[in-house]
Amino acid sequence: SPANDSADPRVRQNSKQRQEELELIEQLRKNIESRLKVSLPSDLGAALTDGVVLCHLANHVRPRSVPSIHVPSPAVPKLTMAKCRRNV
């Protein structure tokens, strides 16, 4: 029952850990957005999956560290998995 769950230390620990993870993810989002001057979607994981934002962040931290970044275009809005892997 829910009343018993709140008394279970494991449930409280998992809830606290999940809250800390969400706070760290939000802190990461704000850091990336402020450095790159972009807005990221609510699903940060999906936004980082293709590696484009990661490459731009790497180049922001150390210019020219990623010489070639594969980015989606209006004609081909979705990168192939191979290009995503190269980015990452």
C-alpha atoms as a PDB file:
ATOM      1  CA  SER A   1       0.000   0.000   0.000  1.00  0.00           C
ATOM      2  CA  PRO A   2       1.190   3.604  -0.593  1.00  0.00           C
ATOM      3  CA  ALA A   3       1.207   4.335   3.133  1.00  0.00           C
ATOM      4  CA  ASN A   4       3.678   1.515   3.697  1.00  0.00           C
ATOM      5  CA  ASP A   5       5.830   2.610   0.710  1.00  0.00           C
ATOM      6  CA  SER A   6       6.520   6.031   2.232  1.00  0.00           C
ATOM      7  CA  ALA A   7       7.819   4.301   5.371  1.00  0.00           C
ATOM      8  CA  ASP A   8      10.119   2.015   3.331  1.00  0.00           C
ATOM      9  CA  PRO A   9      13.640   3.493   3.430  1.00  0.00           C
ATOM     10  CA  ARG A  10      14.472   2.025  -0.014  1.00  0.00           C
ATOM     11  CA  VAL A  11      11.568   3.893  -1.620  1.00  0.00           C
ATOM     12  CA  ARG A  12      12.615   7.130   0.064  1.00  0.00           C
ATOM     13  CA  GLN A  13      16.257   6.573  -1.000  1.00  0.00           C
ATOM     14  CA  ASN A  14      15.242   5.882  -4.631  1.00  0.00           C
ATOM     15  CA  SER A  15      12.987   8.928  -4.642  1.00  0.00           C
ATOM     16  CA  LYS A  16      15.743  11.121  -3.217  1.00  0.00           C
ATOM     17  CA  GLN A  17      18.259   9.744  -5.711  1.00  0.00           C
ATOM     18  CA  ARG A  18      15.861  10.342  -8.613  1.00  0.00           C
ATOM     19  CA  GLN A  19      15.281  13.925  -7.452  1.00  0.00           C
ATOM     20  CA  GLU A  20      19.049  14.525  -7.271  1.00  0.00           C
ATOM     21  CA  GLU A  21      19.458  13.099 -10.805  1.00  0.00           C
ATOM     22  CA  LEU A  22      16.735  15.401 -12.147  1.00  0.00           C
ATOM     23  CA  GLU A  23      18.410  18.393 -10.512  1.00  0.00           C
ATOM     24  CA  LEU A  24      21.778  17.461 -12.043  1.00  0.00           C
ATOM     25  CA  ILE A  25      20.196  17.006 -15.479  1.00  0.00           C
ATOM     26  CA  GLU A  26      18.567  20.425 -15.206  1.00  0.00           C
ATOM     27  CA  GLN A  27      21.885  21.950 -14.128  1.00  0.00           C
ATOM     28  CA  LEU A  28      23.576  20.319 -17.144  1.00  0.00           C
ATOM     29  CA  ARG A  29      20.855  21.647 -19.470  1.00  0.00           C
ATOM     30  CA  LYS A  30      21.280  25.199 -18.162  1.00  0.00           C
ATOM     31  CA  ASN A  31      25.061  24.977 -18.469  1.00  0.00           C
ATOM     32  CA  ILE A  32      24.914  23.771 -22.099  1.00  0.00           C
ATOM     33  CA  GLU A  33      22.236  26.306 -23.025  1.00  0.00           C
ATOM     34  CA  SER A  34      24.158  29.217 -21.532  1.00  0.00           C
ATOM     35  CA  ARG A  35      27.486  28.230 -23.106  1.00  0.00           C
ATOM     36  CA  LEU A  36      26.075  27.549 -26.583  1.00  0.00           C
ATOM     37  CA  LYS A  37      23.308  30.174 -26.473  1.00  0.00           C
ATOM     38  CA  VAL A  38      20.690  27.637 -27.594  1.00  0.00           C
ATOM     39  CA  SER A  39      17.444  26.237 -26.220  1.00  0.00           C
ATOM     40  CA  LEU A  40      17.315  22.485 -25.780  1.00  0.00           C
ATOM     41  CA  PRO A  41      14.121  20.412 -25.854  1.00  0.00           C
ATOM     42  CA  SER A  42      12.676  18.975 -22.657  1.00  0.00           C
ATOM     43  CA  ASP A  43      14.119  15.514 -23.421  1.00  0.00           C
ATOM     44  CA  LEU A  44      17.807  16.251 -22.948  1.00  0.00           C
ATOM     45  CA  GLY A  45      18.853  12.683 -23.744  1.00  0.00           C
ATOM     46  CA  ALA A  46      17.189  12.819 -27.151  1.00  0.00           C
ATOM     47  CA  ALA A  47      18.748  16.223 -27.819  1.00  0.00           C
ATOM     48  CA  LEU A  48      22.232  14.795 -27.203  1.00  0.00           C
ATOM     49  CA  THR A  49      21.740  11.494 -29.033  1.00  0.00           C
ATOM     50  CA  ASP A  50      22.898  12.615 -32.481  1.00  0.00           C
ATOM     51  CA  GLY A  51      26.073  14.197 -31.068  1.00  0.00           C
ATOM     52  CA  VAL A  52      25.597  17.595 -32.736  1.00  0.00           C
ATOM     53  CA  VAL A  53      25.226  19.496 -29.448  1.00  0.00           C
ATOM     54  CA  LEU A  54      28.097  17.496 -27.927  1.00  0.00           C
ATOM     55  CA  CYS A  55      30.399  18.434 -30.834  1.00  0.00           C
ATOM     56  CA  HIS A  56      29.468  22.105 -30.562  1.00  0.00           C
ATOM     57  CA  LEU A  57      30.078  21.969 -26.808  1.00  0.00           C
ATOM     58  CA  ALA A  58      33.489  20.339 -27.320  1.00  0.00           C
ATOM     59  CA  ASN A  59      34.406  23.058 -29.836  1.00  0.00           C
ATOM     60  CA  HIS A  60      33.218  25.719 -27.385  1.00  0.00           C
ATOM     61  CA  VAL A  61      35.446  24.326 -24.632  1.00  0.00           C
ATOM     62  CA  ARG A  62      38.405  23.722 -26.966  1.00  0.00           C
ATOM     63  CA  PRO A  63      38.068  25.410 -30.384  1.00  0.00           C
ATOM     64  CA  ARG A  64      38.631  23.201 -33.452  1.00  0.00           C
ATOM     65  CA  SER A  65      38.725  20.029 -31.362  1.00  0.00           C
ATOM     66  CA  VAL A  66      35.989  18.565 -33.600  1.00  0.00           C
ATOM     67  CA  PRO A  67      36.916  19.498 -37.171  1.00  0.00           C
ATOM     68  CA  SER A  68      33.828  18.048 -38.870  1.00  0.00           C
ATOM     69  CA  ILE A  69      30.311  17.929 -37.426  1.00  0.00           C
ATOM     70  CA  HIS A  70      27.513  16.123 -39.220  1.00  0.00           C
ATOM     71  CA  VAL A  71      24.356  18.228 -38.844  1.00  0.00           C
ATOM     72  CA  PRO A  72      20.818  17.583 -40.104  1.00  0.00           C
ATOM     73  CA  SER A  73      19.677  19.653 -43.071  1.00  0.00           C
ATOM     74  CA  PRO A  74      16.201  20.683 -44.223  1.00  0.00           C
ATOM     75  CA  ALA A  75      16.483  18.156 -47.062  1.00  0.00           C
ATOM     76  CA  VAL A  76      17.590  15.333 -44.730  1.00  0.00           C
ATOM     77  CA  PRO A  77      16.322  16.202 -41.229  1.00  0.00           C
ATOM     78  CA  LYS A  78      17.436  12.905 -39.645  1.00  0.00           C
ATOM     79  CA  LEU A  79      21.085  11.849 -39.414  1.00  0.00           C
ATOM     80  CA  THR A  80      22.044   8.264 -40.154  1.00  0.00           C
ATOM     81  CA  MET A  81      23.228   6.180 -37.213  1.00  0.00           C
ATOM     82  CA  ALA A  82      26.737   6.162 -38.708  1.00  0.00           C
ATOM     83  CA  LYS A  83      26.872   9.974 -38.749  1.00  0.00           C
ATOM     84  CA  CYS A  84      25.479  10.109 -35.204  1.00  0.00           C
ATOM     85  CA  ARG A  85      28.184   7.697 -34.034  1.00  0.00           C
ATOM     86  CA  ARG A  86      30.903   9.760 -35.757  1.00  0.00           C
ATOM     87  CA  ASN A  87      29.635  12.870 -34.011  1.00  0.00           C
ATOM     88  CA  VAL A  88      29.545  11.194 -30.623  1.00  0.00           C
END
